[in-house]
N, C-alpha and C. Protein backbone atom coordinates (compact mmCIF):
# COMPACT_ATOMS: atom_id res chain seq x y z
N MET A 1 -9.96 -19.54 -1.70
CA MET A 1 -9.21 -18.31 -1.68
C MET A 1 -10.07 -17.21 -2.32
N ALA A 2 -10.05 -16.05 -1.73
CA ALA A 2 -10.82 -14.92 -2.25
C ALA A 2 -10.18 -14.37 -3.52
N GLU A 3 -11.02 -13.95 -4.41
CA GLU A 3 -10.54 -13.34 -5.66
C GLU A 3 -10.32 -11.85 -5.43
N LEU A 4 -9.18 -11.35 -5.86
CA LEU A 4 -8.90 -9.93 -5.76
C LEU A 4 -9.40 -9.24 -7.02
N ARG A 5 -10.20 -8.21 -6.85
CA ARG A 5 -10.71 -7.46 -7.98
C ARG A 5 -10.54 -5.97 -7.73
N GLU A 6 -10.32 -5.22 -8.79
CA GLU A 6 -10.21 -3.78 -8.67
C GLU A 6 -11.55 -3.22 -8.21
N ARG A 7 -11.51 -2.31 -7.25
CA ARG A 7 -12.72 -1.69 -6.71
C ARG A 7 -12.54 -0.18 -6.66
N PRO A 8 -13.64 0.56 -6.68
CA PRO A 8 -13.51 2.01 -6.50
C PRO A 8 -13.07 2.32 -5.07
N LEU A 9 -12.48 3.47 -4.86
CA LEU A 9 -11.95 3.85 -3.56
C LEU A 9 -13.01 3.77 -2.46
N GLY A 10 -14.25 4.14 -2.76
CA GLY A 10 -15.32 4.11 -1.77
C GLY A 10 -15.60 2.73 -1.20
N PHE A 11 -15.14 1.67 -1.88
CA PHE A 11 -15.34 0.30 -1.41
C PHE A 11 -14.72 0.11 -0.03
N ALA A 12 -13.68 0.85 0.29
CA ALA A 12 -13.02 0.71 1.59
C ALA A 12 -13.97 0.97 2.75
N ASP A 13 -15.02 1.77 2.53
CA ASP A 13 -15.97 2.07 3.59
C ASP A 13 -16.93 0.92 3.88
N SER A 14 -17.09 -0.01 2.94
CA SER A 14 -18.04 -1.11 3.13
C SER A 14 -17.41 -2.49 2.91
N ALA A 15 -16.10 -2.56 2.81
CA ALA A 15 -15.43 -3.84 2.58
C ALA A 15 -15.73 -4.82 3.70
N PRO A 16 -15.92 -6.10 3.38
CA PRO A 16 -16.22 -7.08 4.42
C PRO A 16 -15.03 -7.39 5.33
N PHE A 17 -13.83 -7.03 4.91
CA PHE A 17 -12.64 -7.26 5.72
C PHE A 17 -11.73 -6.06 5.59
N ILE A 18 -11.29 -5.53 6.71
CA ILE A 18 -10.38 -4.39 6.72
C ILE A 18 -9.19 -4.77 7.59
N ALA A 19 -8.00 -4.68 7.04
CA ALA A 19 -6.79 -5.00 7.79
C ALA A 19 -6.20 -3.71 8.34
N GLU A 20 -5.92 -3.70 9.62
CA GLU A 20 -5.31 -2.54 10.25
C GLU A 20 -4.12 -3.01 11.07
N GLY A 21 -3.17 -2.14 11.26
CA GLY A 21 -2.02 -2.48 12.08
C GLY A 21 -1.43 -1.24 12.72
N ARG A 22 -0.69 -1.45 13.77
CA ARG A 22 -0.02 -0.36 14.46
C ARG A 22 1.39 -0.79 14.81
N ALA A 23 2.27 0.18 14.85
CA ALA A 23 3.64 -0.08 15.26
C ALA A 23 4.23 1.20 15.83
N THR A 24 5.11 1.04 16.76
CA THR A 24 5.83 2.18 17.32
C THR A 24 7.26 2.10 16.79
N VAL A 25 7.73 3.18 16.21
CA VAL A 25 9.08 3.20 15.66
C VAL A 25 9.82 4.43 16.16
N ALA A 26 11.12 4.32 16.19
CA ALA A 26 11.96 5.45 16.60
C ALA A 26 12.31 6.26 15.35
N ALA A 27 11.33 7.04 14.88
CA ALA A 27 11.52 7.84 13.67
C ALA A 27 10.57 9.03 13.73
N THR A 28 10.93 10.06 13.00
CA THR A 28 10.05 11.22 12.91
C THR A 28 8.93 10.93 11.92
N ALA A 29 7.88 11.72 11.95
CA ALA A 29 6.78 11.57 11.00
C ALA A 29 7.30 11.71 9.56
N THR A 30 8.23 12.60 9.34
CA THR A 30 8.80 12.80 8.01
C THR A 30 9.54 11.55 7.54
N GLU A 31 10.32 10.93 8.42
CA GLU A 31 11.04 9.71 8.07
C GLU A 31 10.08 8.56 7.75
N VAL A 32 9.00 8.44 8.52
CA VAL A 32 8.01 7.40 8.26
C VAL A 32 7.33 7.64 6.93
N TRP A 33 6.96 8.88 6.65
CA TRP A 33 6.30 9.22 5.39
C TRP A 33 7.20 8.88 4.20
N GLU A 34 8.49 9.15 4.31
CA GLU A 34 9.43 8.83 3.23
C GLU A 34 9.43 7.34 2.91
N VAL A 35 9.29 6.50 3.94
CA VAL A 35 9.23 5.05 3.72
C VAL A 35 7.92 4.68 3.03
N LEU A 36 6.82 5.25 3.49
CA LEU A 36 5.51 4.91 2.93
C LEU A 36 5.37 5.31 1.46
N VAL A 37 5.98 6.40 1.06
CA VAL A 37 5.86 6.83 -0.34
C VAL A 37 6.92 6.19 -1.25
N ASP A 38 7.81 5.41 -0.67
CA ASP A 38 8.79 4.67 -1.47
C ASP A 38 8.17 3.32 -1.83
N HIS A 39 7.25 3.33 -2.78
CA HIS A 39 6.44 2.16 -3.10
C HIS A 39 7.26 0.93 -3.46
N ARG A 40 8.31 1.11 -4.19
CA ARG A 40 9.12 -0.04 -4.60
C ARG A 40 9.80 -0.72 -3.40
N ALA A 41 9.92 -0.01 -2.29
CA ALA A 41 10.55 -0.59 -1.10
C ALA A 41 9.54 -1.25 -0.15
N TRP A 42 8.27 -1.21 -0.48
CA TRP A 42 7.26 -1.77 0.42
C TRP A 42 7.54 -3.22 0.79
N SER A 43 8.09 -4.00 -0.13
CA SER A 43 8.35 -5.42 0.16
C SER A 43 9.36 -5.61 1.28
N ARG A 44 10.16 -4.60 1.55
CA ARG A 44 11.11 -4.69 2.67
C ARG A 44 10.42 -4.45 4.01
N TRP A 45 9.29 -3.75 3.98
CA TRP A 45 8.62 -3.34 5.21
C TRP A 45 7.35 -4.13 5.51
N PHE A 46 6.68 -4.61 4.48
CA PHE A 46 5.40 -5.28 4.66
C PHE A 46 5.52 -6.72 4.18
N GLU A 47 5.39 -7.69 5.08
CA GLU A 47 5.58 -9.10 4.76
C GLU A 47 4.72 -9.58 3.60
N ALA A 48 3.48 -9.14 3.54
CA ALA A 48 2.55 -9.64 2.52
C ALA A 48 2.83 -9.07 1.13
N VAL A 49 3.58 -7.98 1.06
CA VAL A 49 3.84 -7.35 -0.24
C VAL A 49 5.10 -7.93 -0.87
N LYS A 50 4.94 -8.48 -2.05
CA LYS A 50 6.08 -9.04 -2.78
C LYS A 50 6.65 -8.03 -3.77
N ARG A 51 5.79 -7.15 -4.28
CA ARG A 51 6.22 -6.16 -5.27
C ARG A 51 5.20 -5.04 -5.36
N CYS A 52 5.67 -3.82 -5.60
CA CYS A 52 4.79 -2.67 -5.79
C CYS A 52 5.38 -1.79 -6.88
N GLU A 53 4.62 -1.60 -7.94
CA GLU A 53 5.10 -0.82 -9.08
C GLU A 53 4.11 0.29 -9.43
N PRO A 54 4.58 1.52 -9.63
CA PRO A 54 3.69 2.60 -10.04
C PRO A 54 3.10 2.32 -11.42
N THR A 55 1.85 2.72 -11.62
CA THR A 55 1.19 2.53 -12.92
C THR A 55 0.63 3.84 -13.46
N SER A 56 1.07 4.95 -12.90
CA SER A 56 0.58 6.26 -13.35
C SER A 56 1.72 7.26 -13.39
N GLU A 57 1.45 8.34 -14.05
CA GLU A 57 2.41 9.45 -14.09
C GLU A 57 1.66 10.71 -13.68
N PRO A 58 2.01 11.35 -12.60
CA PRO A 58 3.16 11.03 -11.75
C PRO A 58 2.91 9.78 -10.92
N ALA A 59 3.98 9.20 -10.45
CA ALA A 59 3.89 7.96 -9.68
C ALA A 59 3.39 8.19 -8.26
N GLU A 60 3.43 9.42 -7.80
CA GLU A 60 3.02 9.74 -6.43
C GLU A 60 2.04 10.89 -6.45
N GLY A 61 1.27 10.99 -5.39
CA GLY A 61 0.34 12.09 -5.24
C GLY A 61 -1.10 11.67 -5.45
N VAL A 62 -2.00 12.62 -5.27
CA VAL A 62 -3.43 12.36 -5.41
C VAL A 62 -3.75 11.84 -6.79
N GLY A 63 -4.46 10.70 -6.84
CA GLY A 63 -4.84 10.11 -8.11
C GLY A 63 -3.84 9.13 -8.68
N SER A 64 -2.67 9.01 -8.06
CA SER A 64 -1.67 8.07 -8.58
C SER A 64 -2.14 6.64 -8.31
N THR A 65 -1.63 5.72 -9.11
CA THR A 65 -2.01 4.32 -8.97
C THR A 65 -0.76 3.44 -8.97
N ARG A 66 -0.92 2.24 -8.49
CA ARG A 66 0.18 1.28 -8.50
C ARG A 66 -0.40 -0.13 -8.49
N THR A 67 0.40 -1.08 -8.93
CA THR A 67 0.02 -2.48 -8.85
C THR A 67 0.82 -3.12 -7.73
N VAL A 68 0.12 -3.77 -6.81
CA VAL A 68 0.76 -4.40 -5.67
C VAL A 68 0.58 -5.92 -5.81
N THR A 69 1.69 -6.65 -5.78
CA THR A 69 1.66 -8.11 -5.83
C THR A 69 1.83 -8.63 -4.41
N LEU A 70 0.85 -9.43 -3.96
CA LEU A 70 0.86 -9.95 -2.60
C LEU A 70 1.34 -11.39 -2.56
N ALA A 71 1.85 -11.79 -1.41
CA ALA A 71 2.27 -13.18 -1.23
C ALA A 71 1.04 -14.08 -1.30
N GLY A 72 1.24 -15.29 -1.79
CA GLY A 72 0.15 -16.26 -1.81
C GLY A 72 -0.67 -16.14 -3.03
């Protein structure tokens, strides 16, 4: 099993594995955005996410952080 380690944001450009997904939903862009920024509700929408908790103040916006607990 791979070890999860904190990485700088730029790591996303060279990561050995990148997960992407697409879905079509009957919702406006505003409605979708409201779901995405509701971090505590991520476990209802994303199977692999068991928990998501903000770790910064403010909890949202540029520079905010959170801890995400994944299944497995």
